[in-house]
Amino acid sequence: MTSFKYAAKDPGGKTIEGTIDGADRQQVLTELRAKNLVVTSIEEAASGARRPKKYGSVKSGRAKPNASRTERVLFTRQLATMVGAGLALLEGLEVLADQAETAAFKATCETLVREVRSGCDLSAAMEMCPKAFDELYVSMVKAAEISGQMDVILIRLADYLEAAEELRCEIKSAMTYPVVSMLLVTAITAFLMIGIVPDFRQVFESLDSELPPLTEFTLGVSDFMASYWYLGLGAMVLILGAANMFRKTERGAFLFDQASLKIPVFGPLYRKVALARFSRTFATLIRSGVPIMGTLDIVAETAGNRVVAKAVLASRDSVRAGNMLSEPLEHSPVFPPLVVRMIAIGERSGALETLLEKIAEFYDAQVKAAVKGLTSLIEPILITVLGIMVGGVVLSVFLPMMDMVGKLSGQ
């Protein structure tokens, strides 16, 4: 038998240190986990003080702790796997720090290792890296420490992050195509109007005939763009800058979010995305044991839309007053009757998190279907716009020539 020194967290979040005998490290970990303890470190008693580990090839230098979405998802999944396999929390963090590929993420992992080794809770260590771990993440880890189900809640958190990232990527891919296409259409039209159309002015003037209205309009726009392009560019920058500044205000941000839900074609998609995010975040936090009031605060903060956040905060005040969660949501234009009724049923039956997960799955499927439909709808619209803009310029150039050919044929 070998003696092992260990440090662990009990269900109340209190740090426990001690010595235990066992045949090997795995047996000791199994015994400690059977006592509902979250093991943070374990080492042979005879091995003396544990030396800080020297990490791999990526040098963090003065990089500030941070993590990309992909790094955060991968970190959570790997840490959940290692803790579930019986590896001590500190050792798992050391492994992740050793394989970090970016300086910022390496600095994040090293901060976690340093703080956990000194006896700090993992959730408290994560609070020191706010750019890497948001309030939702920290709250779920804190609930895991209290419940002693670190591996279970980390897996649940990894599932949540992966689902959220998948949804974000689908929306991003759906928006990339129309944005790039419109930029190309605009660039092509500007090139024709500034670089091609002015060369035909002298040809048209030599014809000594009245030009068609479309040609006159195109030449006028071309002259303006060639002579005063900086005014148009300046006006565009000014408008975008003013809109961005207004959006940074509380009132402006709310109006922008409210308008985004009413945009034709895209509005219903944004609404479904907001409902999917609300339901999945709410369900994940409730199932992980986060208190309802804290859950509502986090859901409001991470809603991604201030109209949704306002409705959630109103429901929080209702719950604090002892009322049902679903009552204030019924008066919000964002939440359809189906969602409100399912939340009300969940409250009465005690299966709120289950029904919220069903709502999230439903709207995830709706978003995927809407993205596919939007992609198929945008393509013919863009082709039509391109045809009108480019075809209009080309037609305006060829109309006088066709008129001249017609006159010559008549003579």
Protein backbone atom coordinates (compact mmCIF):
# COMPACT_ATOMS: atom_id res chain seq x y z
CA MET A 1 0.00 0.00 0.00
CA THR A 2 1.15 3.51 -0.79
CA SER A 3 0.22 6.74 0.99
CA PHE A 4 -1.11 9.58 -1.16
CA LYS A 5 -1.62 13.23 -0.27
CA TYR A 6 -4.72 14.73 -1.81
CA ALA A 7 -6.68 17.97 -2.06
CA ALA A 8 -10.38 17.92 -2.94
CA LYS A 9 -13.64 19.88 -2.75
CA ASP A 10 -16.59 18.57 -0.75
CA PRO A 11 -20.24 19.09 -1.89
CA GLY A 12 -20.29 22.38 0.02
CA GLY A 13 -17.30 23.71 -1.89
CA LYS A 14 -14.93 23.43 1.07
CA THR A 15 -11.32 22.44 0.41
CA ILE A 16 -10.28 19.18 2.10
CA GLU A 17 -6.68 17.99 2.36
CA GLY A 18 -5.49 14.72 3.76
CA THR A 19 -3.63 11.45 3.31
CA ILE A 20 -5.10 8.16 2.15
CA ASP A 21 -3.61 4.71 1.53
CA GLY A 22 -4.20 2.81 -1.68
CA ALA A 23 -2.68 0.31 -4.08
CA ASP A 24 -2.31 2.96 -6.78
CA ARG A 25 -3.45 6.41 -7.82
CA GLN A 26 -6.53 5.15 -9.69
CA GLN A 27 -7.84 3.27 -6.64
CA VAL A 28 -7.41 6.35 -4.47
CA LEU A 29 -9.23 8.52 -7.03
CA THR A 30 -12.09 6.02 -7.17
CA GLU A 31 -12.43 6.00 -3.36
CA LEU A 32 -12.40 9.80 -3.13
CA ARG A 33 -14.96 10.16 -5.91
CA ALA A 34 -17.18 7.59 -4.15
CA LYS A 35 -17.23 10.03 -1.21
CA ASN A 36 -18.65 12.71 -3.56
CA LEU A 37 -15.39 14.68 -3.59
CA VAL A 38 -13.94 16.59 -6.54
CA VAL A 39 -10.22 15.82 -6.51
CA THR A 40 -8.04 18.80 -7.42
CA SER A 41 -4.61 17.23 -6.83
CA ILE A 42 -3.10 13.94 -5.69
CA GLU A 43 0.49 12.80 -5.23
CA GLU A 44 2.47 10.19 -3.37
CA ALA A 45 3.20 11.29 0.19
CA ALA A 46 6.82 10.21 -0.10
CA SER A 47 7.41 12.27 -3.22
CA GLY A 48 7.54 15.52 -1.28
CA ALA A 49 6.30 18.86 -2.50
CA ARG A 50 5.09 18.91 -6.03
CA ARG A 51 7.19 21.04 -8.32
CA PRO A 52 5.43 23.38 -10.67
CA LYS A 53 5.38 21.90 -14.13
CA LYS A 54 7.30 23.52 -16.94
CA TYR A 55 4.98 23.96 -19.85
CA GLY A 56 5.52 23.27 -23.53
CA SER A 57 6.85 25.16 -26.47
CA VAL A 58 4.34 28.02 -26.67
CA LYS A 59 5.60 30.97 -24.65
CA SER A 60 2.86 33.00 -23.05
CA GLY A 61 5.19 35.94 -22.33
CA ARG A 62 3.06 38.92 -21.38
CA ALA A 63 -0.01 37.69 -23.19
CA LYS A 64 -3.26 38.36 -21.36
CA PRO A 65 -5.56 35.42 -20.59
CA ASN A 66 -8.06 34.93 -23.39
CA ALA A 67 -9.63 32.15 -25.42
CA SER A 68 -11.37 31.90 -28.76
CA ARG A 69 -14.73 30.16 -29.06
CA THR A 70 -13.10 27.09 -30.56
CA GLU A 71 -10.44 26.93 -27.82
CA ARG A 72 -13.08 27.28 -25.12
CA VAL A 73 -15.20 24.46 -26.55
CA LEU A 74 -12.18 22.17 -26.93
CA PHE A 75 -10.91 23.04 -23.42
CA THR A 76 -14.27 22.21 -21.86
CA ARG A 77 -14.67 18.91 -23.71
CA GLN A 78 -11.14 17.75 -22.92
CA LEU A 79 -11.31 18.78 -19.25
CA ALA A 80 -14.67 17.00 -18.88
CA THR A 81 -13.19 13.83 -20.42
CA MET A 82 -10.13 13.87 -18.17
CA VAL A 83 -12.08 14.55 -14.97
CA GLY A 84 -14.62 11.87 -15.93
CA ALA A 85 -11.77 9.41 -16.47
CA GLY A 86 -10.59 9.98 -12.90
CA LEU A 87 -7.72 12.42 -13.54
CA ALA A 88 -7.28 15.06 -10.84
CA LEU A 89 -8.52 18.51 -11.81
CA LEU A 90 -5.10 20.13 -11.40
CA GLU A 91 -3.40 17.49 -13.52
CA GLY A 92 -6.01 17.95 -16.24
CA LEU A 93 -5.40 21.70 -16.26
CA GLU A 94 -1.64 21.10 -16.47
CA VAL A 95 -2.11 18.84 -19.49
CA LEU A 96 -4.26 21.46 -21.22
CA ALA A 97 -1.73 24.20 -20.43
CA ASP A 98 1.03 22.03 -21.88
CA GLN A 99 -0.77 21.59 -25.22
CA ALA A 100 -2.03 25.18 -25.60
CA GLU A 101 -1.30 26.46 -29.11
CA THR A 102 -1.71 30.22 -28.61
CA ALA A 103 -0.02 32.52 -26.12
CA ALA A 104 -3.31 33.98 -24.85
CA PHE A 105 -4.88 30.59 -24.19
CA LYS A 106 -1.67 29.32 -22.61
CA ALA A 107 -1.74 32.32 -20.26
CA THR A 108 -5.34 31.39 -19.40
CA CYS A 109 -4.47 27.79 -18.55
CA GLU A 110 -1.40 28.82 -16.57
CA THR A 111 -3.52 31.22 -14.52
CA LEU A 112 -5.97 28.42 -13.73
CA VAL A 113 -3.14 26.03 -12.78
CA ARG A 114 -1.49 28.60 -10.53
CA GLU A 115 -4.67 29.56 -8.71
CA VAL A 116 -5.98 26.00 -8.28
CA ARG A 117 -2.58 24.82 -7.00
CA SER A 118 -2.68 27.60 -4.38
CA GLY A 119 -6.04 26.27 -3.12
CA CYS A 120 -8.38 28.53 -5.07
CA ASP A 121 -11.67 27.18 -6.48
CA LEU A 122 -11.71 26.62 -10.24
CA SER A 123 -14.68 28.97 -10.61
CA ALA A 124 -12.84 31.72 -8.70
CA ALA A 125 -9.77 31.15 -10.88
CA MET A 126 -11.92 31.48 -14.00
CA GLU A 127 -13.31 34.77 -12.72
CA MET A 128 -9.75 36.11 -13.05
CA CYS A 129 -9.96 35.45 -16.81
CA PRO A 130 -13.19 37.27 -17.78
CA LYS A 131 -12.27 37.40 -21.48
CA ALA A 132 -11.95 33.63 -21.61
CA PHE A 133 -14.84 32.57 -19.34
CA ASP A 134 -18.10 34.51 -19.18
CA GLU A 135 -20.58 34.61 -16.32
CA LEU A 136 -22.54 31.63 -17.64
CA TYR A 137 -19.42 29.48 -17.73
CA VAL A 138 -18.29 30.49 -14.24
CA SER A 139 -21.75 29.96 -12.75
CA MET A 140 -21.99 26.43 -14.12
CA VAL A 141 -18.51 25.54 -12.83
CA LYS A 142 -19.47 26.95 -9.43
CA ALA A 143 -22.61 24.79 -9.44
CA ALA A 144 -20.43 21.79 -10.36
CA GLU A 145 -18.15 22.47 -7.39
CA ILE A 146 -21.09 22.69 -5.01
CA SER A 147 -22.80 19.56 -6.32
CA GLY A 148 -19.61 17.52 -6.71
CA GLN A 149 -20.57 16.65 -10.30
CA MET A 150 -17.73 18.39 -12.07
CA ASP A 151 -17.43 15.87 -14.91
CA VAL A 152 -21.20 15.72 -15.54
CA ILE A 153 -21.68 19.49 -15.62
CA LEU A 154 -18.55 20.04 -17.72
CA ILE A 155 -19.91 17.60 -20.29
CA ARG A 156 -23.23 19.43 -20.22
CA LEU A 157 -21.41 22.75 -20.62
CA ALA A 158 -19.37 21.36 -23.53
CA ASP A 159 -22.58 20.17 -25.23
CA TYR A 160 -24.10 23.62 -24.76
CA LEU A 161 -21.04 25.43 -26.15
CA GLU A 162 -20.83 23.09 -29.15
CA ALA A 163 -24.53 23.54 -29.96
CA ALA A 164 -24.24 27.32 -29.63
CA GLU A 165 -21.11 27.39 -31.82
CA GLU A 166 -22.77 25.22 -34.47
CA LEU A 167 -25.77 27.54 -34.57
CA ARG A 168 -23.50 30.60 -34.80
CA CYS A 169 -21.54 29.07 -37.67
CA GLU A 170 -24.73 28.29 -39.58
CA ILE A 171 -25.96 31.86 -39.23
CA LYS A 172 -22.52 33.20 -40.19
CA SER A 173 -22.37 31.03 -43.30
CA ALA A 174 -25.89 32.10 -44.27
CA MET A 175 -24.98 35.79 -43.92
CA THR A 176 -21.57 35.53 -45.64
CA TYR A 177 -22.96 34.65 -49.07
CA PRO A 178 -25.33 37.62 -49.48
CA VAL A 179 -22.86 40.10 -47.98
CA VAL A 180 -20.00 39.03 -50.26
CA SER A 181 -22.32 38.90 -53.25
CA MET A 182 -23.65 42.41 -52.63
CA LEU A 183 -20.11 43.75 -52.23
CA LEU A 184 -19.15 42.19 -55.56
CA VAL A 185 -22.26 43.57 -57.29
CA THR A 186 -21.55 47.04 -55.87
CA ALA A 187 -17.87 46.86 -56.90
CA ILE A 188 -18.73 45.74 -60.45
CA THR A 189 -21.35 48.48 -60.85
CA ALA A 190 -18.96 51.14 -59.51
CA PHE A 191 -16.23 49.99 -61.92
CA LEU A 192 -18.62 50.20 -64.87
CA MET A 193 -19.93 53.63 -63.86
CA ILE A 194 -16.52 55.17 -63.14
CA GLY A 195 -14.18 53.30 -65.46
CA ILE A 196 -16.26 52.34 -68.53
CA VAL A 197 -19.31 54.60 -69.01
CA PRO A 198 -17.38 57.95 -69.15
CA ASP A 199 -15.43 56.69 -72.19
CA PHE A 200 -18.67 56.53 -74.18
CA ARG A 201 -19.64 60.17 -73.55
CA GLN A 202 -17.57 61.51 -76.46
CA VAL A 203 -18.99 58.81 -78.74
CA PHE A 204 -22.56 59.77 -77.79
CA GLU A 205 -21.85 63.50 -78.25
CA SER A 206 -20.48 62.83 -81.76
CA LEU A 207 -23.75 61.22 -82.75
CA ASP A 208 -25.45 64.60 -82.51
CA SER A 209 -28.78 63.02 -81.60
CA GLU A 210 -31.05 63.00 -78.59
CA LEU A 211 -30.04 60.37 -76.05
CA PRO A 212 -32.58 58.02 -74.43
CA PRO A 213 -33.63 58.95 -70.86
CA LEU A 214 -31.93 55.84 -69.45
CA THR A 215 -28.62 56.83 -71.06
CA GLU A 216 -28.93 60.43 -69.82
CA PHE A 217 -29.58 59.15 -66.28
CA THR A 218 -26.65 56.72 -66.40
CA LEU A 219 -24.26 59.39 -67.72
CA GLY A 220 -25.40 61.79 -64.99
CA VAL A 221 -24.83 59.24 -62.25
CA SER A 222 -21.48 58.30 -63.79
CA ASP A 223 -20.32 61.94 -63.88
CA PHE A 224 -21.35 62.45 -60.25
CA MET A 225 -19.59 59.28 -59.08
CA ALA A 226 -16.42 60.12 -61.01
CA SER A 227 -16.29 63.73 -59.82
CA TYR A 228 -17.68 63.50 -56.30
CA TRP A 229 -16.96 59.89 -55.23
CA TYR A 230 -15.33 61.18 -52.06
CA LEU A 231 -18.60 62.85 -51.03
CA GLY A 232 -20.48 59.56 -51.33
CA LEU A 233 -17.76 57.70 -49.46
CA GLY A 234 -17.64 60.37 -46.76
CA ALA A 235 -21.42 60.36 -46.37
CA MET A 236 -21.40 56.56 -46.07
CA VAL A 237 -18.67 56.64 -43.41
CA LEU A 238 -20.48 59.41 -41.55
CA ILE A 239 -23.81 57.56 -41.58
CA LEU A 240 -22.23 54.28 -40.47
CA GLY A 241 -20.23 56.03 -37.75
CA ALA A 242 -23.28 57.88 -36.42
CA ALA A 243 -25.33 54.67 -36.49
CA ASN A 244 -22.58 52.80 -34.64
CA MET A 245 -22.32 55.50 -31.96
CA PHE A 246 -26.09 55.52 -31.51
CA ARG A 247 -26.11 51.74 -31.25
CA LYS A 248 -23.64 51.90 -28.37
CA THR A 249 -26.17 53.84 -26.29
CA GLU A 250 -28.71 51.91 -24.24
CA ARG A 251 -31.66 53.35 -26.14
CA GLY A 252 -30.02 52.89 -29.53
CA ALA A 253 -29.04 49.29 -28.83
CA PHE A 254 -32.60 48.45 -27.80
CA LEU A 255 -34.07 50.08 -30.94
CA PHE A 256 -31.58 48.27 -33.20
CA ASP A 257 -32.39 44.92 -31.58
CA GLN A 258 -36.10 45.67 -31.82
CA ALA A 259 -35.77 46.59 -35.50
CA SER A 260 -33.72 43.46 -36.25
CA LEU A 261 -36.70 41.32 -35.22
CA LYS A 262 -38.95 43.15 -37.71
CA ILE A 263 -36.71 43.10 -40.80
CA PRO A 264 -38.43 41.28 -43.68
CA VAL A 265 -37.01 37.81 -44.33
CA PHE A 266 -34.23 38.12 -41.71
CA GLY A 267 -36.44 39.19 -38.77
CA PRO A 268 -38.11 35.79 -38.22
CA LEU A 269 -34.69 34.12 -38.40
CA TYR A 270 -33.24 36.42 -35.72
CA ARG A 271 -36.27 35.74 -33.54
CA LYS A 272 -35.82 31.97 -33.81
CA VAL A 273 -32.12 32.29 -33.01
CA ALA A 274 -32.92 34.38 -29.92
CA LEU A 275 -35.53 31.86 -28.72
CA ALA A 276 -33.17 28.91 -29.29
CA ARG A 277 -30.38 30.64 -27.32
CA PHE A 278 -32.76 31.63 -24.51
CA SER A 279 -34.18 28.12 -24.14
CA ARG A 280 -30.85 26.28 -24.33
CA THR A 281 -29.08 28.60 -21.89
CA PHE A 282 -32.00 28.51 -19.44
CA ALA A 283 -32.27 24.71 -19.59
CA THR A 284 -28.53 24.16 -19.19
CA LEU A 285 -28.27 26.42 -16.14
CA ILE A 286 -31.36 25.01 -14.42
CA ARG A 287 -30.28 21.41 -15.02
CA SER A 288 -26.81 22.20 -13.66
CA GLY A 289 -28.24 23.45 -10.38
CA VAL A 290 -27.77 27.20 -10.76
CA PRO A 291 -30.38 29.09 -8.63
CA ILE A 292 -33.34 30.44 -10.59
CA MET A 293 -32.64 34.12 -9.84
CA GLY A 294 -29.01 33.80 -10.91
CA THR A 295 -30.14 31.85 -13.97
CA LEU A 296 -32.47 34.62 -15.08
CA ASP A 297 -29.73 37.24 -14.65
CA ILE A 298 -27.31 35.19 -16.77
CA VAL A 299 -29.94 34.40 -19.43
CA ALA A 300 -30.77 38.10 -19.75
CA GLU A 301 -27.09 39.01 -20.09
CA THR A 302 -26.35 36.32 -22.69
CA ALA A 303 -29.63 36.62 -24.65
CA GLY A 304 -27.95 38.52 -27.49
CA ASN A 305 -31.04 40.70 -27.95
CA ARG A 306 -32.14 43.44 -25.58
CA VAL A 307 -35.82 42.89 -26.30
CA VAL A 308 -35.46 39.32 -25.05
CA ALA A 309 -33.33 40.51 -22.13
CA LYS A 310 -36.01 43.02 -21.10
CA ALA A 311 -38.67 40.28 -21.07
CA VAL A 312 -36.43 37.96 -19.03
CA LEU A 313 -35.67 40.67 -16.46
CA ALA A 314 -39.40 41.36 -16.15
CA SER A 315 -39.96 37.66 -15.49
CA ARG A 316 -37.20 37.74 -12.86
CA ASP A 317 -39.04 40.48 -10.98
CA SER A 318 -42.23 38.43 -11.25
CA VAL A 319 -40.52 35.33 -9.83
CA ARG A 320 -39.01 37.36 -7.00
CA ALA A 321 -42.52 38.53 -6.13
CA GLY A 322 -43.70 34.90 -5.99
CA ASN A 323 -45.48 34.79 -9.36
CA MET A 324 -45.11 32.43 -12.31
CA LEU A 325 -42.23 32.83 -14.73
CA SER A 326 -44.49 32.53 -17.76
CA GLU A 327 -46.83 35.42 -16.87
CA PRO A 328 -44.56 38.34 -17.92
CA LEU A 329 -43.30 36.43 -20.98
CA GLU A 330 -46.88 36.25 -22.25
CA HIS A 331 -46.89 40.04 -22.71
CA SER A 332 -43.63 40.12 -24.66
CA PRO A 333 -43.93 40.22 -28.48
CA VAL A 334 -40.84 38.02 -28.81
CA PHE A 335 -42.21 34.90 -27.11
CA PRO A 336 -44.92 33.08 -29.11
CA PRO A 337 -47.85 31.43 -27.29
CA LEU A 338 -46.36 27.96 -27.83
CA VAL A 339 -43.20 28.84 -25.86
CA VAL A 340 -45.13 30.57 -23.07
CA ARG A 341 -47.51 27.62 -22.66
CA MET A 342 -44.70 25.08 -22.57
CA ILE A 343 -42.87 27.11 -19.92
CA ALA A 344 -46.10 27.33 -17.89
CA ILE A 345 -46.58 23.55 -18.16
CA GLY A 346 -42.95 23.03 -17.14
CA GLU A 347 -43.41 25.20 -14.06
CA ARG A 348 -46.53 23.32 -12.97
CA SER A 349 -45.09 19.87 -13.66
CA GLY A 350 -41.60 20.50 -12.28
CA ALA A 351 -39.99 19.58 -15.61
CA LEU A 352 -39.11 23.10 -16.74
CA GLU A 353 -35.59 22.24 -17.93
CA THR A 354 -36.85 19.29 -19.99
CA LEU A 355 -39.44 21.38 -21.82
CA LEU A 356 -36.94 24.19 -22.34
CA GLU A 357 -34.58 21.70 -24.00
CA LYS A 358 -37.44 20.59 -26.26
CA ILE A 359 -38.07 24.22 -27.19
CA ALA A 360 -34.35 24.71 -27.93
CA GLU A 361 -34.27 21.61 -30.15
CA PHE A 362 -37.41 22.75 -31.96
CA TYR A 363 -36.04 26.21 -32.73
CA ASP A 364 -32.62 24.84 -33.64
CA ALA A 365 -34.33 22.76 -36.30
CA GLN A 366 -36.38 25.79 -37.35
CA VAL A 367 -33.23 27.90 -37.70
CA LYS A 368 -31.52 25.25 -39.83
CA ALA A 369 -34.55 25.02 -42.10
CA ALA A 370 -34.81 28.82 -42.29
CA VAL A 371 -31.12 29.14 -43.18
CA LYS A 372 -31.49 26.63 -46.02
CA GLY A 373 -34.61 28.38 -47.26
CA LEU A 374 -32.94 31.78 -46.97
CA THR A 375 -29.92 30.63 -48.94
CA SER A 376 -32.11 29.30 -51.75
CA LEU A 377 -34.17 32.52 -51.71
CA ILE A 378 -31.22 34.93 -51.67
CA GLU A 379 -29.53 33.45 -54.74
CA PRO A 380 -32.26 34.34 -57.29
CA ILE A 381 -32.75 37.74 -55.61
CA LEU A 382 -29.05 38.56 -55.99
CA ILE A 383 -29.03 37.36 -59.59
CA THR A 384 -32.01 39.62 -60.28
CA VAL A 385 -30.32 42.62 -58.59
CA LEU A 386 -27.10 41.95 -60.50
CA GLY A 387 -29.02 41.69 -63.75
CA ILE A 388 -30.88 44.95 -63.16
CA MET A 389 -27.82 46.96 -62.11
CA VAL A 390 -25.28 45.65 -64.60
CA GLY A 391 -27.83 45.05 -67.34
CA GLY A 392 -29.18 48.58 -66.91
CA VAL A 393 -25.71 50.09 -67.36
CA VAL A 394 -24.99 47.95 -70.42
CA LEU A 395 -28.40 48.69 -71.94
CA SER A 396 -27.98 52.44 -71.44
CA VAL A 397 -24.70 52.28 -73.35
CA PHE A 398 -26.05 50.24 -76.23
CA LEU A 399 -29.40 52.03 -76.71
CA PRO A 400 -27.90 55.06 -78.56
CA MET A 401 -25.80 52.74 -80.71
CA MET A 402 -28.84 50.67 -81.61
CA ASP A 403 -30.72 53.87 -82.43
CA MET A 404 -27.86 55.00 -84.67
CA VAL A 405 -27.75 51.63 -86.45
CA GLY A 406 -31.49 51.84 -86.99
CA LYS A 407 -31.20 55.29 -88.56
CA LEU A 408 -28.37 54.17 -90.83
CA SER A 409 -30.39 51.15 -91.95
CA GLY A 410 -33.36 53.43 -92.76
CA GLN A 411 -31.19 55.64 -94.91
